[in-house]
Protein backbone atom coordinates (compact mmCIF):
# COMPACT_ATOMS: atom_id res chain seq x y z
CA MET A 1 100.65 91.32 86.61
CA ARG A 2 103.57 89.63 84.84
CA MET A 3 105.51 92.81 85.71
CA ALA A 4 104.53 92.73 88.99
CA GLY A 5 106.01 89.39 89.67
CA TRP A 6 108.99 89.63 87.79
CA LEU A 7 110.35 91.80 89.85
CA MET A 8 109.11 90.33 92.80
CA TYR A 9 111.52 87.45 91.30
CA ARG A 10 113.86 89.94 90.91
CA GLY A 11 113.80 90.63 94.78
CA HIS A 12 111.49 94.20 94.77
CA LYS A 13 109.76 94.56 97.05
CA LEU A 14 105.23 95.37 96.66
CA LEU A 15 104.52 98.02 99.22
CA ARG A 16 100.03 97.66 97.68
CA ILE A 17 97.85 96.57 95.15
CA GLU A 18 95.93 99.31 94.85
CA ASP A 19 92.44 99.45 91.63
CA ASN A 20 93.12 101.67 88.75
CA ARG A 21 90.95 104.70 88.75
CA LEU A 22 91.25 105.19 84.79
CA GLN A 23 91.24 101.84 84.50
CA PRO A 24 88.51 100.08 86.42
CA GLY A 25 89.25 96.60 86.93
CA TYR A 26 92.32 97.07 86.22
CA GLN A 27 95.03 97.07 89.48
CA MET A 28 98.20 99.15 89.49
CA PHE A 29 100.98 97.35 91.65
CA ILE A 30 103.22 99.65 93.37
CA PHE A 31 106.54 99.58 93.96
CA GLY A 32 109.23 101.56 96.51
CA ASP A 33 110.77 103.52 93.28
CA SER A 34 114.07 103.20 92.43
CA ASP A 35 117.34 103.27 90.80
CA ARG A 36 117.63 99.48 90.78
CA LEU A 37 113.49 99.21 89.66
CA ARG A 38 113.97 102.00 86.78
CA ASN A 39 116.74 99.53 85.30
CA ASP A 40 115.31 95.89 86.10
CA MET A 41 111.90 97.73 84.68
CA SER A 42 113.54 98.58 81.66
CA GLU A 43 115.12 94.71 81.16
CA TYR A 44 111.54 93.59 82.01
CA VAL A 45 110.44 91.99 77.94
CA PRO A 46 107.02 90.87 78.14
CA ASP A 47 106.69 88.55 75.54
CA LYS A 48 109.04 86.17 78.08
CA GLY A 49 108.39 86.98 81.48
CA ALA A 50 110.74 86.39 84.35
CA GLU A 51 113.31 84.75 80.72
CA GLY A 52 112.53 87.63 79.17
CA ILE A 53 115.82 90.45 79.83
CA ARG A 54 117.21 92.06 76.51
CA ARG A 55 120.17 91.03 75.03
CA PRO A 56 122.72 93.22 73.19
CA GLN A 57 122.17 93.10 69.76
CA ARG A 58 124.86 90.60 67.95
CA GLY A 59 125.13 92.57 64.75
């Protein structure tokens, strides 16, 4: 649910919510597939929420 909220914050439109048939008690948040959505999903860091954008490490 946190990722879904973060994606909506980033401007993605939530299409619908469905019950997860493989994991009862959980829900699936359905968004339209796009390269931008996949990129934003790859940048999401669960522990940080909306602030959680992966930053390049300095070495």
